[in-house]
Amino acid sequence: GADTIWLSPVYESPMVDMGYDISNYEKINPLYGTLEDMD
């Protein structure tokens, strides 16, 4: 019954703080996939 998802960080990151330490806002962490996957 949910109609919206909120995605916690998937950006490029060294993952010191599980993605809340972002090294590039315009790239996806390879652990999660690619920009094409996000599209």
All heavy atoms as atom14 arrays in JSON, in Angstrom:
{
  "sequence": "GADTIWLSPVYESPMVDMGYDISNYEKINPLYGTLEDMD",
  "atom14_mask": [
    [1, 1, 1, 1, 0, 0, 0, 0, 0, 0, 0, 0, 0, 0],
    [1, 1, 1, 1, 1, 0, 0, 0, 0, 0, 0, 0, 0, 0],
    [1, 1, 1, 1, 1, 1, 1, 1, 0, 0, 0, 0, 0, 0],
    [1, 1, 1, 1, 1, 1, 1, 0, 0, 0, 0, 0, 0, 0],
    [1, 1, 1, 1, 1, 1, 1, 1, 0, 0, 0, 0, 0, 0],
    [1, 1, 1, 1, 1, 1, 1, 1, 1, 1, 1, 1, 1, 1],
    [1, 1, 1, 1, 1, 1, 1, 1, 0, 0, 0, 0, 0, 0],
    [1, 1, 1, 1, 1, 1, 0, 0, 0, 0, 0, 0, 0, 0],
    [1, 1, 1, 1, 1, 1, 1, 0, 0, 0, 0, 0, 0, 0],
    [1, 1, 1, 1, 1, 1, 1, 0, 0, 0, 0, 0, 0, 0],
    [1, 1, 1, 1, 1, 1, 1, 1, 1, 1, 1, 1, 0, 0],
    [1, 1, 1, 1, 1, 1, 1, 1, 1, 0, 0, 0, 0, 0],
    [1, 1, 1, 1, 1, 1, 0, 0, 0, 0, 0, 0, 0, 0],
    [1, 1, 1, 1, 1, 1, 1, 0, 0, 0, 0, 0, 0, 0],
    [1, 1, 1, 1, 1, 1, 1, 1, 0, 0, 0, 0, 0, 0],
    [1, 1, 1, 1, 1, 1, 1, 0, 0, 0, 0, 0, 0, 0],
    [1, 1, 1, 1, 1, 1, 1, 1, 0, 0, 0, 0, 0, 0],
    [1, 1, 1, 1, 1, 1, 1, 1, 0, 0, 0, 0, 0, 0],
    [1, 1, 1, 1, 0, 0, 0, 0, 0, 0, 0, 0, 0, 0],
    [1, 1, 1, 1, 1, 1, 1, 1, 1, 1, 1, 1, 0, 0],
    [1, 1, 1, 1, 1, 1, 1, 1, 0, 0, 0, 0, 0, 0],
    [1, 1, 1, 1, 1, 1, 1, 1, 0, 0, 0, 0, 0, 0],
    [1, 1, 1, 1, 1, 1, 0, 0, 0, 0, 0, 0, 0, 0],
    [1, 1, 1, 1, 1, 1, 1, 1, 0, 0, 0, 0, 0, 0],
    [1, 1, 1, 1, 1, 1, 1, 1, 1, 1, 1, 1, 0, 0],
    [1, 1, 1, 1, 1, 1, 1, 1, 1, 0, 0, 0, 0, 0],
    [1, 1, 1, 1, 1, 1, 1, 1, 1, 0, 0, 0, 0, 0],
    [1, 1, 1, 1, 1, 1, 1, 1, 0, 0, 0, 0, 0, 0],
    [1, 1, 1, 1, 1, 1, 1, 1, 0, 0, 0, 0, 0, 0],
    [1, 1, 1, 1, 1, 1, 1, 0, 0, 0, 0, 0, 0, 0],
    [1, 1, 1, 1, 1, 1, 1, 1, 0, 0, 0, 0, 0, 0],
    [1, 1, 1, 1, 1, 1, 1, 1, 1, 1, 1, 1, 0, 0],
    [1, 1, 1, 1, 0, 0, 0, 0, 0, 0, 0, 0, 0, 0],
    [1, 1, 1, 1, 1, 1, 1, 0, 0, 0, 0, 0, 0, 0],
    [1, 1, 1, 1, 1, 1, 1, 1, 0, 0, 0, 0, 0, 0],
    [1, 1, 1, 1, 1, 1, 1, 1, 1, 0, 0, 0, 0, 0],
    [1, 1, 1, 1, 1, 1, 1, 1, 0, 0, 0, 0, 0, 0],
    [1, 1, 1, 1, 1, 1, 1, 1, 0, 0, 0, 0, 0, 0],
    [1, 1, 1, 1, 1, 1, 1, 1, 0, 0, 0, 0, 0, 0]
  ],
  "atom14_positions": [
    [[0.81, -1.21, 0.0], [0.0, 0.0, 0.0], [0.84, 1.26, 0.0], [0.31, 2.37, 0.1], [0.0, 0.0, 0.0], [0.0, 0.0, 0.0], [0.0, 0.0, 0.0], [0.0, 0.0, 0.0], [0.0, 0.0, 0.0], [0.0, 0.0, 0.0], [0.0, 0.0, 0.0], [0.0, 0.0, 0.0], [0.0, 0.0, 0.0], [0.0, 0.0, 0.0]],
    [[2.16, 1.09, -0.12], [3.05, 2.25, -0.24], [3.07, 2.71, -1.69], [2.97, 1.9, -2.61], [4.45, 1.91, 0.23], [0.0, 0.0, 0.0], [0.0, 0.0, 0.0], [0.0, 0.0, 0.0], [0.0, 0.0, 0.0], [0.0, 0.0, 0.0], [0.0, 0.0, 0.0], [0.0, 0.0, 0.0], [0.0, 0.0, 0.0], [0.0, 0.0, 0.0]],
    [[3.22, 4.02, -1.89], [3.23, 4.56, -3.26], [4.5, 5.35, -3.56], [4.64, 5.92, -4.65], [2.0, 5.44, -3.49], [1.81, 6.5, -2.41], [2.82, 6.89, -1.77], [0.66, 6.91, -2.18], [0.0, 0.0, 0.0], [0.0, 0.0, 0.0], [0.0, 0.0, 0.0], [0.0, 0.0, 0.0], [0.0, 0.0, 0.0], [0.0, 0.0, 0.0]],
    [[5.44, 5.38, -2.62], [6.68, 6.14, -2.79], [7.8, 5.36, -2.12], [7.59, 4.77, -1.05], [6.56, 7.53, -2.13], [5.43, 8.23, -2.68], [7.82, 8.35, -2.34], [0.0, 0.0, 0.0], [0.0, 0.0, 0.0], [0.0, 0.0, 0.0], [0.0, 0.0, 0.0], [0.0, 0.0, 0.0], [0.0, 0.0, 0.0], [0.0, 0.0, 0.0]],
    [[8.97, 5.34, -2.74], [10.14, 4.78, -2.06], [11.13, 5.89, -1.77], [11.29, 6.82, -2.55], [10.82, 3.65, -2.86], [11.4, 4.15, -4.19], [9.86, 2.48, -3.09], [12.3, 3.13, -4.88], [0.0, 0.0, 0.0], [0.0, 0.0, 0.0], [0.0, 0.0, 0.0], [0.0, 0.0, 0.0], [0.0, 0.0, 0.0], [0.0, 0.0, 0.0]],
    [[11.74, 5.79, -0.59], [12.85, 6.66, -0.23], [14.09, 5.77, -0.2], [14.16, 4.8, 0.55], [12.58, 7.33, 1.12], [13.81, 7.75, 1.89], [15.05, 8.03, 1.4], [13.91, 7.91, 3.32], [15.91, 8.37, 2.43], [15.24, 8.3, 3.61], [12.99, 7.77, 4.36], [15.67, 8.53, 4.91], [13.43, 8.01, 5.65], [14.75, 8.39, 5.93]],
    [[15.04, 6.13, -1.02], [16.25, 5.34, -1.19], [17.37, 5.95, -0.37], [17.81, 7.07, -0.65], [16.61, 5.31, -2.68], [17.49, 4.2, -3.22], [16.86, 2.85, -2.97], [17.73, 4.42, -4.71], [0.0, 0.0, 0.0], [0.0, 0.0, 0.0], [0.0, 0.0, 0.0], [0.0, 0.0, 0.0], [0.0, 0.0, 0.0], [0.0, 0.0, 0.0]],
    [[17.85, 5.23, 0.63], [19.05, 5.68, 1.34], [20.23, 5.67, 0.37], [20.14, 5.09, -0.72], [19.3, 4.78, 2.55], [18.35, 5.02, 3.56], [0.0, 0.0, 0.0], [0.0, 0.0, 0.0], [0.0, 0.0, 0.0], [0.0, 0.0, 0.0], [0.0, 0.0, 0.0], [0.0, 0.0, 0.0], [0.0, 0.0, 0.0], [0.0, 0.0, 0.0]],
    [[21.36, 6.29, 0.71], [22.39, 6.61, -0.3], [22.86, 5.42, -1.14], [23.18, 4.36, -0.61], [23.54, 7.15, 0.56], [22.9, 7.65, 1.79], [21.74, 6.77, 2.04], [0.0, 0.0, 0.0], [0.0, 0.0, 0.0], [0.0, 0.0, 0.0], [0.0, 0.0, 0.0], [0.0, 0.0, 0.0], [0.0, 0.0, 0.0], [0.0, 0.0, 0.0]],
    [[22.93, 5.65, -2.44], [23.5, 4.67, -3.37], [24.67, 5.29, -4.14], [25.18, 4.69, -5.07], [22.44, 4.16, -4.37], [21.41, 3.29, -3.67], [21.75, 5.32, -5.1], [0.0, 0.0, 0.0], [0.0, 0.0, 0.0], [0.0, 0.0, 0.0], [0.0, 0.0, 0.0], [0.0, 0.0, 0.0], [0.0, 0.0, 0.0], [0.0, 0.0, 0.0]],
    [[25.07, 6.48, -3.74], [26.13, 7.19, -4.44], [27.5, 6.53, -4.23], [27.69, 5.73, -3.31], [26.21, 8.64, -3.94], [24.91, 9.36, -3.87], [24.24, 9.51, -2.64], [24.33, 9.92, -5.0], [23.03, 10.2, -2.55], [23.12, 10.61, -4.93], [22.48, 10.74, -3.7], [21.29, 11.41, -3.61], [0.0, 0.0, 0.0], [0.0, 0.0, 0.0]],
    [[28.45, 6.91, -5.07], [29.83, 6.43, -4.9], [30.33, 6.83, -3.51], [30.17, 7.98, -3.1], [30.72, 7.04, -5.98], [32.16, 6.56, -5.94], [33.0, 7.21, -7.02], [33.51, 8.32, -6.78], [33.13, 6.62, -8.11], [0.0, 0.0, 0.0], [0.0, 0.0, 0.0], [0.0, 0.0, 0.0], [0.0, 0.0, 0.0], [0.0, 0.0, 0.0]],
    [[30.95, 5.88, -2.81], [31.34, 6.13, -1.42], [32.34, 5.09, -0.94], [32.25, 3.92, -1.32], [30.1, 6.07, -0.53], [30.45, 6.02, 0.84], [0.0, 0.0, 0.0], [0.0, 0.0, 0.0], [0.0, 0.0, 0.0], [0.0, 0.0, 0.0], [0.0, 0.0, 0.0], [0.0, 0.0, 0.0], [0.0, 0.0, 0.0], [0.0, 0.0, 0.0]],
    [[33.28, 5.49, -0.08], [34.16, 4.5, 0.57], [33.43, 3.66, 1.62], [34.0, 2.71, 2.16], [35.24, 5.37, 1.23], [35.13, 6.71, 0.59], [33.69, 6.86, 0.21], [0.0, 0.0, 0.0], [0.0, 0.0, 0.0], [0.0, 0.0, 0.0], [0.0, 0.0, 0.0], [0.0, 0.0, 0.0], [0.0, 0.0, 0.0], [0.0, 0.0, 0.0]],
    [[32.2, 4.05, 1.96], [31.33, 3.29, 2.87], [31.85, 3.27, 4.32], [31.62, 2.31, 5.06], [31.11, 1.87, 2.37], [30.44, 1.79, 1.01], [28.72, 2.36, 1.03], [27.9, 0.88, 1.62], [0.0, 0.0, 0.0], [0.0, 0.0, 0.0], [0.0, 0.0, 0.0], [0.0, 0.0, 0.0], [0.0, 0.0, 0.0], [0.0, 0.0, 0.0]],
    [[32.51, 4.33, 4.75], [32.88, 4.45, 6.15], [31.62, 4.57, 7.01], [31.51, 3.98, 8.09], [33.81, 5.66, 6.37], [34.03, 5.92, 7.86], [35.14, 5.45, 5.67], [0.0, 0.0, 0.0], [0.0, 0.0, 0.0], [0.0, 0.0, 0.0], [0.0, 0.0, 0.0], [0.0, 0.0, 0.0], [0.0, 0.0, 0.0], [0.0, 0.0, 0.0]],
    [[30.66, 5.35, 6.49], [29.38, 5.53, 7.18], [28.24, 5.06, 6.28], [27.22, 5.73, 6.13], [29.19, 7.01, 7.57], [27.98, 7.23, 8.46], [27.49, 6.27, 9.08], [27.49, 8.38, 8.51], [0.0, 0.0, 0.0], [0.0, 0.0, 0.0], [0.0, 0.0, 0.0], [0.0, 0.0, 0.0], [0.0, 0.0, 0.0], [0.0, 0.0, 0.0]],
    [[28.42, 3.9, 5.69], [27.39, 3.24, 4.89], [26.77, 4.15, 3.84], [25.55, 4.19, 3.66], [26.31, 2.65, 5.8], [26.79, 1.48, 6.63], [27.52, 0.14, 5.63], [26.12, -0.34, 4.63], [0.0, 0.0, 0.0], [0.0, 0.0, 0.0], [0.0, 0.0, 0.0], [0.0, 0.0, 0.0], [0.0, 0.0, 0.0], [0.0, 0.0, 0.0]],
    [[27.61, 4.89, 3.14], [27.14, 5.69, 2.02], [26.83, 7.13, 2.36], [26.57, 7.94, 1.45], [0.0, 0.0, 0.0], [0.0, 0.0, 0.0], [0.0, 0.0, 0.0], [0.0, 0.0, 0.0], [0.0, 0.0, 0.0], [0.0, 0.0, 0.0], [0.0, 0.0, 0.0], [0.0, 0.0, 0.0], [0.0, 0.0, 0.0], [0.0, 0.0, 0.0]],
    [[26.83, 7.46, 3.65], [26.62, 8.86, 4.03], [27.93, 9.65, 3.95], [27.99, 10.8, 4.38], [25.98, 8.94, 5.41], [24.51, 8.58, 5.36], [24.1, 7.26, 5.45], [23.55, 9.56, 5.15], [22.75, 6.93, 5.35], [22.2, 9.24, 5.07], [21.81, 7.91, 5.16], [20.48, 7.59, 5.05], [0.0, 0.0, 0.0], [0.0, 0.0, 0.0]],
    [[28.95, 9.03, 3.42], [30.23, 9.68, 3.1], [30.4, 9.57, 1.59], [30.87, 8.57, 1.08], [31.39, 9.04, 3.85], [31.4, 7.52, 3.73], [30.33, 6.89, 3.79], [32.5, 6.94, 3.57], [0.0, 0.0, 0.0], [0.0, 0.0, 0.0], [0.0, 0.0, 0.0], [0.0, 0.0, 0.0], [0.0, 0.0, 0.0], [0.0, 0.0, 0.0]],
    [[29.98, 10.59, 0.87], [29.87, 10.52, -0.59], [31.14, 11.05, -1.25], [31.6, 12.16, -0.97], [28.65, 11.33, -1.07], [27.36, 10.71, -0.5], [28.59, 11.39, -2.59], [26.13, 11.56, -0.71], [0.0, 0.0, 0.0], [0.0, 0.0, 0.0], [0.0, 0.0, 0.0], [0.0, 0.0, 0.0], [0.0, 0.0, 0.0], [0.0, 0.0, 0.0]],
    [[31.68, 10.26, -2.17], [32.88, 10.68, -2.89], [32.55, 11.2, -4.29], [33.39, 11.84, -4.92], [33.88, 9.52, -3.0], [33.27, 8.37, -3.54], [0.0, 0.0, 0.0], [0.0, 0.0, 0.0], [0.0, 0.0, 0.0], [0.0, 0.0, 0.0], [0.0, 0.0, 0.0], [0.0, 0.0, 0.0], [0.0, 0.0, 0.0], [0.0, 0.0, 0.0]],
    [[31.34, 10.93, -4.78], [30.9, 11.51, -6.06], [29.38, 11.43, -6.11], [28.8, 10.34, -6.12], [31.51, 10.77, -7.24], [31.31, 11.51, -8.55], [30.28, 12.13, -8.8], [32.32, 11.46, -9.41], [0.0, 0.0, 0.0], [0.0, 0.0, 0.0], [0.0, 0.0, 0.0], [0.0, 0.0, 0.0], [0.0, 0.0, 0.0], [0.0, 0.0, 0.0]],
    [[28.72, 12.59, -6.14], [27.26, 12.63, -6.16], [26.67, 12.13, -7.48], [25.5, 11.76, -7.53], [26.77, 14.07, -5.93], [27.01, 14.6, -4.54], [28.05, 15.49, -4.29], [26.18, 14.24, -3.48], [28.28, 16.0, -3.01], [26.4, 14.74, -2.21], [27.44, 15.61, -1.98], [27.66, 16.1, -0.7], [0.0, 0.0, 0.0], [0.0, 0.0, 0.0]],
    [[27.47, 12.15, -8.53], [26.95, 11.85, -9.86], [27.28, 10.43, -10.31], [27.08, 10.09, -11.48], [27.49, 12.88, -10.85], [27.09, 14.3, -10.51], [27.73, 15.33, -11.4], [27.98, 15.03, -12.59], [28.01, 16.45, -10.93], [0.0, 0.0, 0.0], [0.0, 0.0, 0.0], [0.0, 0.0, 0.0], [0.0, 0.0, 0.0], [0.0, 0.0, 0.0]],
    [[27.78, 9.63, -9.41], [28.07, 8.23, -9.73], [27.4, 7.31, -8.7], [27.11, 7.74, -7.59], [29.58, 7.98, -9.76], [30.3, 8.63, -10.94], [31.77, 8.23, -10.97], [32.47, 8.84, -12.18], [33.91, 8.46, -12.24], [0.0, 0.0, 0.0], [0.0, 0.0, 0.0], [0.0, 0.0, 0.0], [0.0, 0.0, 0.0], [0.0, 0.0, 0.0]],
    [[27.19, 6.07, -9.1], [26.59, 5.06, -8.23], [27.69, 4.15, -7.7], [28.62, 3.77, -8.42], [25.54, 4.23, -9.01], [24.4, 5.14, -9.48], [25.0, 3.09, -8.16], [23.61, 5.78, -8.38], [0.0, 0.0, 0.0], [0.0, 0.0, 0.0], [0.0, 0.0, 0.0], [0.0, 0.0, 0.0], [0.0, 0.0, 0.0], [0.0, 0.0, 0.0]],
    [[27.58, 3.79, -6.43], [28.51, 2.83, -5.85], [28.4, 1.52, -6.63], [27.31, 0.97, -6.77], [28.13, 2.61, -4.38], [29.15, 1.79, -3.62], [29.81, 0.91, -4.17], [29.27, 2.06, -2.34], [0.0, 0.0, 0.0], [0.0, 0.0, 0.0], [0.0, 0.0, 0.0], [0.0, 0.0, 0.0], [0.0, 0.0, 0.0], [0.0, 0.0, 0.0]],
    [[29.51, 0.99, -7.14], [29.45, -0.26, -7.91], [28.81, -1.42, -7.14], [28.3, -2.36, -7.76], [30.92, -0.54, -8.24], [31.57, 0.79, -8.21], [30.87, 1.57, -7.13], [0.0, 0.0, 0.0], [0.0, 0.0, 0.0], [0.0, 0.0, 0.0], [0.0, 0.0, 0.0], [0.0, 0.0, 0.0], [0.0, 0.0, 0.0], [0.0, 0.0, 0.0]],
    [[28.85, -1.36, -5.81], [28.17, -2.39, -5.02], [26.68, -2.45, -5.34], [26.05, -3.51, -5.28], [28.33, -2.11, -3.52], [29.63, -2.51, -2.85], [29.64, -1.96, -1.41], [29.78, -4.03, -2.83], [0.0, 0.0, 0.0], [0.0, 0.0, 0.0], [0.0, 0.0, 0.0], [0.0, 0.0, 0.0], [0.0, 0.0, 0.0], [0.0, 0.0, 0.0]],
    [[26.11, -1.3, -5.7], [24.68, -1.2, -5.94], [24.31, -1.27, -7.41], [23.15, -1.56, -7.75], [24.14, 0.1, -5.35], [24.34, 0.23, -3.86], [24.79, 1.42, -3.3], [24.12, -0.84, -2.99], [24.98, 1.55, -1.93], [24.31, -0.72, -1.63], [24.74, 0.48, -1.1], [24.94, 0.61, 0.25], [0.0, 0.0, 0.0], [0.0, 0.0, 0.0]],
    [[25.24, -0.94, -8.31], [24.92, -0.98, -9.73], [25.53, 0.19, -10.47], [26.63, 0.64, -10.16], [0.0, 0.0, 0.0], [0.0, 0.0, 0.0], [0.0, 0.0, 0.0], [0.0, 0.0, 0.0], [0.0, 0.0, 0.0], [0.0, 0.0, 0.0], [0.0, 0.0, 0.0], [0.0, 0.0, 0.0], [0.0, 0.0, 0.0], [0.0, 0.0, 0.0]],
    [[24.8, 0.69, -11.46], [25.31, 1.73, -12.34], [24.28, 2.86, -12.47], [23.13, 2.73, -12.02], [25.55, 1.16, -13.75], [24.29, 0.74, -14.31], [26.5, -0.03, -13.7], [0.0, 0.0, 0.0], [0.0, 0.0, 0.0], [0.0, 0.0, 0.0], [0.0, 0.0, 0.0], [0.0, 0.0, 0.0], [0.0, 0.0, 0.0], [0.0, 0.0, 0.0]],
    [[24.71, 3.94, -13.11], [23.77, 5.02, -13.4], [22.63, 4.53, -14.28], [21.47, 4.95, -14.12], [24.49, 6.17, -14.09], [25.16, 7.22, -13.21], [25.91, 8.23, -14.07], [24.15, 7.93, -12.32], [0.0, 0.0, 0.0], [0.0, 0.0, 0.0], [0.0, 0.0, 0.0], [0.0, 0.0, 0.0], [0.0, 0.0, 0.0], [0.0, 0.0, 0.0]],
    [[22.94, 3.62, -15.2], [21.89, 3.07, -16.06], [20.87, 2.28, -15.23], [19.66, 2.34, -15.5], [22.51, 2.17, -17.13], [23.31, 2.91, -18.19], [24.64, 3.44, -17.69], [25.16, 2.9, -16.69], [25.17, 4.41, -18.3], [0.0, 0.0, 0.0], [0.0, 0.0, 0.0], [0.0, 0.0, 0.0], [0.0, 0.0, 0.0], [0.0, 0.0, 0.0]],
    [[21.35, 1.57, -14.21], [20.43, 0.85, -13.31], [19.51, 1.83, -12.59], [18.31, 1.57, -12.42], [21.21, 0.03, -12.28], [21.94, -1.15, -12.89], [21.48, -1.65, -13.93], [22.97, -1.55, -12.32], [0.0, 0.0, 0.0], [0.0, 0.0, 0.0], [0.0, 0.0, 0.0], [0.0, 0.0, 0.0], [0.0, 0.0, 0.0], [0.0, 0.0, 0.0]],
    [[20.07, 2.98, -12.17], [19.24, 3.98, -11.49], [18.2, 4.57, -12.44], [17.04, 4.78, -12.07], [20.1, 5.09, -10.91], [20.58, 4.85, -9.5], [19.24, 4.61, -8.3], [18.35, 6.16, -8.46], [0.0, 0.0, 0.0], [0.0, 0.0, 0.0], [0.0, 0.0, 0.0], [0.0, 0.0, 0.0], [0.0, 0.0, 0.0], [0.0, 0.0, 0.0]],
    [[18.6, 4.83, -13.68], [17.64, 5.32, -14.67], [16.49, 4.32, -14.84], [15.32, 4.7, -14.92], [18.33, 5.55, -16.01], [19.29, 6.74, -15.99], [19.1, 7.65, -15.16], [20.23, 6.74, -16.81], [0.0, 0.0, 0.0], [0.0, 0.0, 0.0], [0.0, 0.0, 0.0], [0.0, 0.0, 0.0], [0.0, 0.0, 0.0], [0.0, 0.0, 0.0]]
  ]
}
